[in-house]
Amino acid sequence: MKELNTQEQEITLLWYKYKNKKDPEAREQLILHYISLVKYLVGRMAIGLKGYLEIDDLISAGVYGLINAVDRFNPDKGIKFETFALARIKGAILDWLRSLNWIPQSVRAKARKLESAFADLEQKLGRPPEEPELAEYLGLGLKSLNQLLHEVTPLTLVSLEECWRSPGLDSEGLSPEELIPDPNADDPLAHLEFEEIKQTLADAIEKLPEKEKLVVGLYYYEGLTLKEIGQVMGLSESRISQLHTKAILRLRGRLSRKKKSLIV
């Protein structure tokens, strides 16, 4: 059995005091100890949101999710708190962003247009479309297409998680690797549908152009920031942001079609 270090022993004791003794001071210390999780997530999600939102507001929303996680966490289930908390912190931030309705409808409309274009062209060509093909389909020059991709970037930087949401499934806006199995799972049909959507997304990621697939993997699975990904790939942060935007629009377009087929 792994021997706990001093800090781990202190945290274990705090959990015991809070969950078994209802010690409010232990609860406060746990929240302060794990506040770095909020700052970590905000630092990743804030990329591309500068000029739209204040970082402190994102942190406040994340802290609400952290508090909720501390109150709901059960140390006896053998699940790491960090895994449990990150999911709920992210969910709280996304819920707050959605409640603001801060992205103009015009931008959302442009994003939907791009999603549809990516999906239509991929179906027609049997492969992901290249930028010139996308520009021609939309009746735009490459410069105008790049400007359009830039305009919808704030939406795509926080929208991949929405792809995992499924009607009838209380996923709290979380990504699959963060979902904790629920022994009281409700609707098996809803979960089956969710599994189909996850498989569709996995297939869609696999079919992305290599650079976009690498960006998605490094950002969502390796936890790198867009700046760090740029250093790895030898590209500017703005170029990485554009690759990320295109990848998410492709994925959302494919998932949108999948969801429609499930409803029909």
Protein backbone atom coordinates (compact mmCIF):
# COMPACT_ATOMS: atom_id res chain seq x y z
CA MET A 1 0.00 0.00 0.00
CA LYS A 2 1.29 3.43 -0.91
CA GLU A 3 2.42 5.44 2.09
CA LEU A 4 0.89 8.92 2.26
CA ASN A 5 3.19 11.91 2.51
CA THR A 6 2.67 14.63 5.13
CA GLN A 7 0.48 16.85 2.93
CA GLU A 8 -1.69 13.92 1.80
CA GLN A 9 -2.14 12.92 5.44
CA GLU A 10 -3.22 16.46 6.30
CA ILE A 11 -5.74 16.54 3.44
CA THR A 12 -7.09 13.10 4.41
CA LEU A 13 -7.55 14.37 7.96
CA LEU A 14 -9.38 17.48 6.70
CA TRP A 15 -11.76 15.29 4.70
CA TYR A 16 -12.40 13.18 7.77
CA LYS A 17 -13.10 16.24 9.93
CA TYR A 18 -15.45 17.75 7.38
CA LYS A 19 -17.37 14.65 6.29
CA ASN A 20 -17.55 12.94 9.68
CA LYS A 21 -17.40 15.84 12.15
CA LYS A 22 -19.06 18.54 9.99
CA ASP A 23 -16.16 20.83 10.84
CA PRO A 24 -16.70 24.14 8.94
CA GLU A 25 -13.04 25.13 9.34
CA ALA A 26 -11.95 21.90 7.63
CA ARG A 27 -14.34 22.67 4.79
CA GLU A 28 -12.83 26.14 4.37
CA GLN A 29 -9.30 24.76 4.37
CA LEU A 30 -10.21 22.18 1.72
CA ILE A 31 -11.65 24.90 -0.52
CA LEU A 32 -8.52 27.02 -0.12
CA HIS A 33 -6.26 24.04 -0.77
CA TYR A 34 -7.98 23.17 -4.04
CA ILE A 35 -8.49 26.72 -5.34
CA SER A 36 -5.56 26.11 -7.71
CA LEU A 37 -7.85 23.77 -9.70
CA VAL A 38 -10.10 26.74 -10.46
CA LYS A 39 -7.18 28.92 -11.55
CA TYR A 40 -5.86 26.10 -13.76
CA LEU A 41 -9.17 25.66 -15.57
CA VAL A 42 -9.82 29.38 -15.94
CA GLY A 43 -6.35 29.84 -17.39
CA ARG A 44 -7.17 27.30 -20.10
CA MET A 45 -10.71 28.44 -20.84
CA ALA A 46 -9.92 32.16 -20.86
CA ILE A 47 -7.83 31.92 -24.02
CA GLY A 48 -9.68 33.80 -26.71
CA LEU A 49 -12.09 35.41 -24.26
CA LYS A 50 -9.95 38.46 -23.56
CA GLY A 51 -11.90 41.61 -24.21
CA TYR A 52 -15.18 39.79 -23.64
CA LEU A 53 -15.07 38.72 -19.98
CA GLU A 54 -13.14 39.44 -16.79
CA ILE A 55 -10.93 36.64 -15.48
CA ASP A 56 -12.11 37.33 -11.92
CA ASP A 57 -15.70 36.61 -12.98
CA LEU A 58 -14.66 33.27 -14.45
CA ILE A 59 -12.82 32.44 -11.22
CA SER A 60 -15.89 33.32 -9.15
CA ALA A 61 -18.02 30.96 -11.24
CA GLY A 62 -15.37 28.26 -10.88
CA VAL A 63 -15.19 28.68 -7.11
CA TYR A 64 -18.93 28.00 -6.94
CA GLY A 65 -18.28 24.71 -8.74
CA LEU A 66 -15.40 23.90 -6.37
CA ILE A 67 -17.56 24.50 -3.30
CA ASN A 68 -20.25 22.28 -4.77
CA ALA A 69 -17.64 19.58 -5.40
CA VAL A 70 -16.28 19.75 -1.84
CA ASP A 71 -19.80 19.45 -0.43
CA ARG A 72 -20.78 16.54 -2.67
CA PHE A 73 -17.53 14.56 -2.68
CA ASN A 74 -17.46 11.17 -0.96
CA PRO A 75 -13.85 10.16 -0.11
CA ASP A 76 -14.98 6.58 0.54
CA LYS A 77 -15.76 5.91 -3.14
CA GLY A 78 -12.10 5.75 -4.09
CA ILE A 79 -12.32 8.53 -6.69
CA LYS A 80 -9.66 11.23 -6.83
CA PHE A 81 -11.10 14.55 -5.74
CA GLU A 82 -9.27 16.39 -8.53
CA THR A 83 -11.11 14.34 -11.17
CA PHE A 84 -14.44 14.86 -9.43
CA ALA A 85 -13.86 18.59 -8.88
CA LEU A 86 -12.49 19.56 -12.29
CA ALA A 87 -15.65 18.26 -13.90
CA ARG A 88 -17.89 20.32 -11.66
CA ILE A 89 -15.75 23.44 -11.80
CA LYS A 90 -15.83 23.34 -15.60
CA GLY A 91 -19.58 22.69 -15.54
CA ALA A 92 -20.16 25.68 -13.26
CA ILE A 93 -18.12 27.99 -15.50
CA LEU A 94 -19.94 26.79 -18.62
CA ASP A 95 -23.33 27.19 -16.95
CA TRP A 96 -22.40 30.74 -15.97
CA LEU A 97 -21.25 31.55 -19.50
CA ARG A 98 -24.47 30.16 -20.95
CA SER A 99 -26.57 32.17 -18.50
CA LEU A 100 -24.92 35.39 -19.67
CA ASN A 101 -25.81 34.79 -23.30
CA TRP A 102 -22.72 36.92 -23.90
CA ILE A 103 -22.04 35.83 -27.46
CA PRO A 104 -24.08 37.86 -30.00
CA GLN A 105 -26.64 35.93 -32.05
CA SER A 106 -24.87 37.12 -35.19
CA VAL A 107 -21.71 35.27 -34.13
CA ARG A 108 -23.69 32.15 -33.27
CA ALA A 109 -25.33 32.30 -36.70
CA LYS A 110 -21.92 32.56 -38.38
CA ALA A 111 -20.67 29.57 -36.38
CA ARG A 112 -23.71 27.50 -37.41
CA LYS A 113 -23.11 28.47 -41.03
CA LEU A 114 -19.51 27.29 -40.81
CA GLU A 115 -20.49 24.05 -39.05
CA SER A 116 -23.00 23.30 -41.79
CA ALA A 117 -20.46 24.11 -44.52
CA PHE A 118 -17.85 21.80 -42.99
CA ALA A 119 -20.41 18.99 -42.67
CA ASP A 120 -21.84 19.44 -46.18
CA LEU A 121 -18.44 19.51 -47.83
CA GLU A 122 -17.13 16.54 -45.88
CA GLN A 123 -20.15 14.51 -46.90
CA LYS A 124 -19.77 15.60 -50.53
CA LEU A 125 -16.00 15.12 -50.76
CA GLY A 126 -15.68 12.10 -48.48
CA ARG A 127 -12.88 13.86 -46.58
CA PRO A 128 -12.31 17.04 -44.55
CA PRO A 129 -12.43 20.08 -46.88
CA GLU A 130 -9.39 22.28 -47.38
CA GLU A 131 -9.57 26.02 -46.69
CA PRO A 132 -9.79 27.02 -50.39
CA GLU A 133 -12.67 24.56 -50.86
CA LEU A 134 -14.47 25.93 -47.82
CA ALA A 135 -13.93 29.51 -48.98
CA GLU A 136 -15.29 28.72 -52.45
CA TYR A 137 -18.33 26.94 -50.97
CA LEU A 138 -19.12 30.01 -48.85
CA GLY A 139 -18.40 32.43 -51.67
CA LEU A 140 -15.55 34.06 -49.75
CA GLY A 141 -11.92 34.86 -50.31
CA LEU A 142 -9.34 33.21 -48.05
CA LYS A 143 -8.80 36.48 -46.18
CA SER A 144 -12.53 36.82 -45.48
CA LEU A 145 -12.71 33.17 -44.40
CA ASN A 146 -9.87 33.67 -41.92
CA GLN A 147 -11.65 36.75 -40.56
CA LEU A 148 -14.84 34.72 -40.15
CA LEU A 149 -12.97 31.97 -38.30
CA HIS A 150 -11.45 34.62 -36.02
CA GLU A 151 -14.88 36.08 -35.24
CA VAL A 152 -16.31 32.75 -34.05
CA THR A 153 -13.24 31.74 -32.02
CA PRO A 154 -14.68 32.81 -28.61
CA LEU A 155 -17.67 30.54 -29.18
CA THR A 156 -15.65 27.49 -30.18
CA LEU A 157 -13.19 27.85 -27.31
CA VAL A 158 -15.90 27.03 -24.78
CA SER A 159 -18.26 24.98 -26.90
CA LEU A 160 -16.74 21.50 -27.28
CA GLU A 161 -18.16 20.46 -23.92
CA GLU A 162 -21.66 21.21 -25.22
CA CYS A 163 -21.14 18.45 -27.78
CA TRP A 164 -21.24 15.87 -24.97
CA ARG A 165 -24.62 16.99 -23.67
CA SER A 166 -27.53 14.75 -24.48
CA PRO A 167 -31.26 15.23 -23.79
CA GLY A 168 -32.36 13.18 -20.80
CA LEU A 169 -28.82 12.69 -19.50
CA ASP A 170 -27.63 14.80 -16.59
CA SER A 171 -24.07 15.20 -17.82
CA GLU A 172 -23.69 18.67 -16.33
CA GLY A 173 -21.84 19.76 -19.46
CA LEU A 174 -18.94 17.45 -18.67
CA SER A 175 -16.67 15.62 -21.03
CA PRO A 176 -16.79 11.81 -21.10
CA GLU A 177 -13.45 11.21 -19.41
CA GLU A 178 -14.71 13.30 -16.49
CA LEU A 179 -18.08 11.64 -16.00
CA ILE A 180 -18.29 9.64 -12.79
CA PRO A 181 -20.29 6.40 -13.13
CA ASP A 182 -23.63 6.76 -11.36
CA PRO A 183 -24.84 3.60 -9.58
CA ASN A 184 -28.35 5.07 -9.77
CA ALA A 185 -28.23 5.60 -13.55
CA ASP A 186 -31.68 6.59 -14.70
CA ASP A 187 -32.58 6.16 -18.35
CA PRO A 188 -30.62 3.36 -20.08
CA LEU A 189 -31.81 4.58 -23.49
CA ALA A 190 -30.42 8.06 -22.79
CA HIS A 191 -27.07 6.55 -21.81
CA LEU A 192 -27.06 4.37 -24.92
CA GLU A 193 -27.66 7.49 -27.02
CA PHE A 194 -24.85 9.25 -25.16
CA GLU A 195 -22.48 6.37 -25.91
CA GLU A 196 -23.39 6.62 -29.60
CA ILE A 197 -22.61 10.34 -29.56
CA LYS A 198 -19.27 9.71 -27.85
CA GLN A 199 -18.37 7.11 -30.48
CA THR A 200 -19.39 9.49 -33.25
CA LEU A 201 -17.17 12.17 -31.75
CA ALA A 202 -14.25 9.76 -31.41
CA ASP A 203 -14.64 8.80 -35.06
CA ALA A 204 -14.88 12.47 -36.07
CA ILE A 205 -11.69 13.33 -34.17
CA GLU A 206 -9.89 10.47 -35.88
CA LYS A 207 -10.88 11.87 -39.29
CA LEU A 208 -9.68 15.40 -38.58
CA PRO A 209 -6.72 16.73 -40.60
CA GLU A 210 -3.51 15.79 -38.81
CA LYS A 211 -2.67 19.25 -37.44
CA GLU A 212 -6.20 19.80 -36.13
CA LYS A 213 -6.27 16.34 -34.56
CA LEU A 214 -2.96 17.04 -32.83
CA VAL A 215 -4.25 20.37 -31.48
CA VAL A 216 -7.39 18.70 -30.11
CA GLY A 217 -5.35 15.92 -28.51
CA LEU A 218 -2.82 18.24 -26.90
CA TYR A 219 -5.45 20.70 -25.68
CA TYR A 220 -8.19 18.41 -24.38
CA TYR A 221 -6.30 15.27 -23.46
CA GLU A 222 -2.78 16.44 -22.60
CA GLY A 223 -3.95 19.65 -20.91
CA LEU A 224 -1.65 22.04 -22.79
CA THR A 225 -2.58 25.64 -23.46
CA LEU A 226 -2.77 26.95 -27.03
CA LYS A 227 0.49 28.82 -26.43
CA GLU A 228 2.23 25.62 -25.29
CA ILE A 229 0.82 23.74 -28.28
CA GLY A 230 2.24 26.44 -30.54
CA GLN A 231 5.67 25.86 -29.03
CA VAL A 232 5.37 22.11 -29.56
CA MET A 233 4.21 22.44 -33.18
CA GLY A 234 6.40 25.42 -34.08
CA LEU A 235 3.39 27.60 -34.94
CA SER A 236 2.08 30.91 -33.62
CA GLU A 237 -0.60 30.96 -30.94
CA SER A 238 -3.00 32.65 -33.38
CA ARG A 239 -2.47 29.84 -35.92
CA ILE A 240 -3.07 27.22 -33.23
CA SER A 241 -6.25 29.08 -32.24
CA GLN A 242 -7.43 28.97 -35.87
CA LEU A 243 -6.69 25.22 -36.13
CA HIS A 244 -8.62 24.68 -32.90
CA THR A 245 -11.57 26.72 -34.19
CA LYS A 246 -11.76 24.74 -37.43
CA ALA A 247 -11.52 21.43 -35.57
CA ILE A 248 -14.36 22.31 -33.22
CA LEU A 249 -16.58 23.53 -36.06
CA ARG A 250 -15.98 20.26 -37.91
CA LEU A 251 -16.79 18.22 -34.80
CA ARG A 252 -19.90 20.22 -33.94
CA GLY A 253 -21.17 19.93 -37.51
CA ARG A 254 -20.75 16.16 -37.50
CA LEU A 255 -22.34 15.78 -34.05
CA SER A 256 -25.23 18.05 -34.98
CA ARG A 257 -26.08 15.73 -37.86
CA LYS A 258 -25.73 12.69 -35.63
CA LYS A 259 -28.10 14.12 -33.04
CA LYS A 260 -30.66 14.96 -35.73
CA SER A 261 -30.50 11.40 -37.04
CA LEU A 262 -31.10 10.09 -33.51
CA ILE A 263 -34.15 12.30 -33.07
CA VAL A 264 -35.73 11.40 -36.43
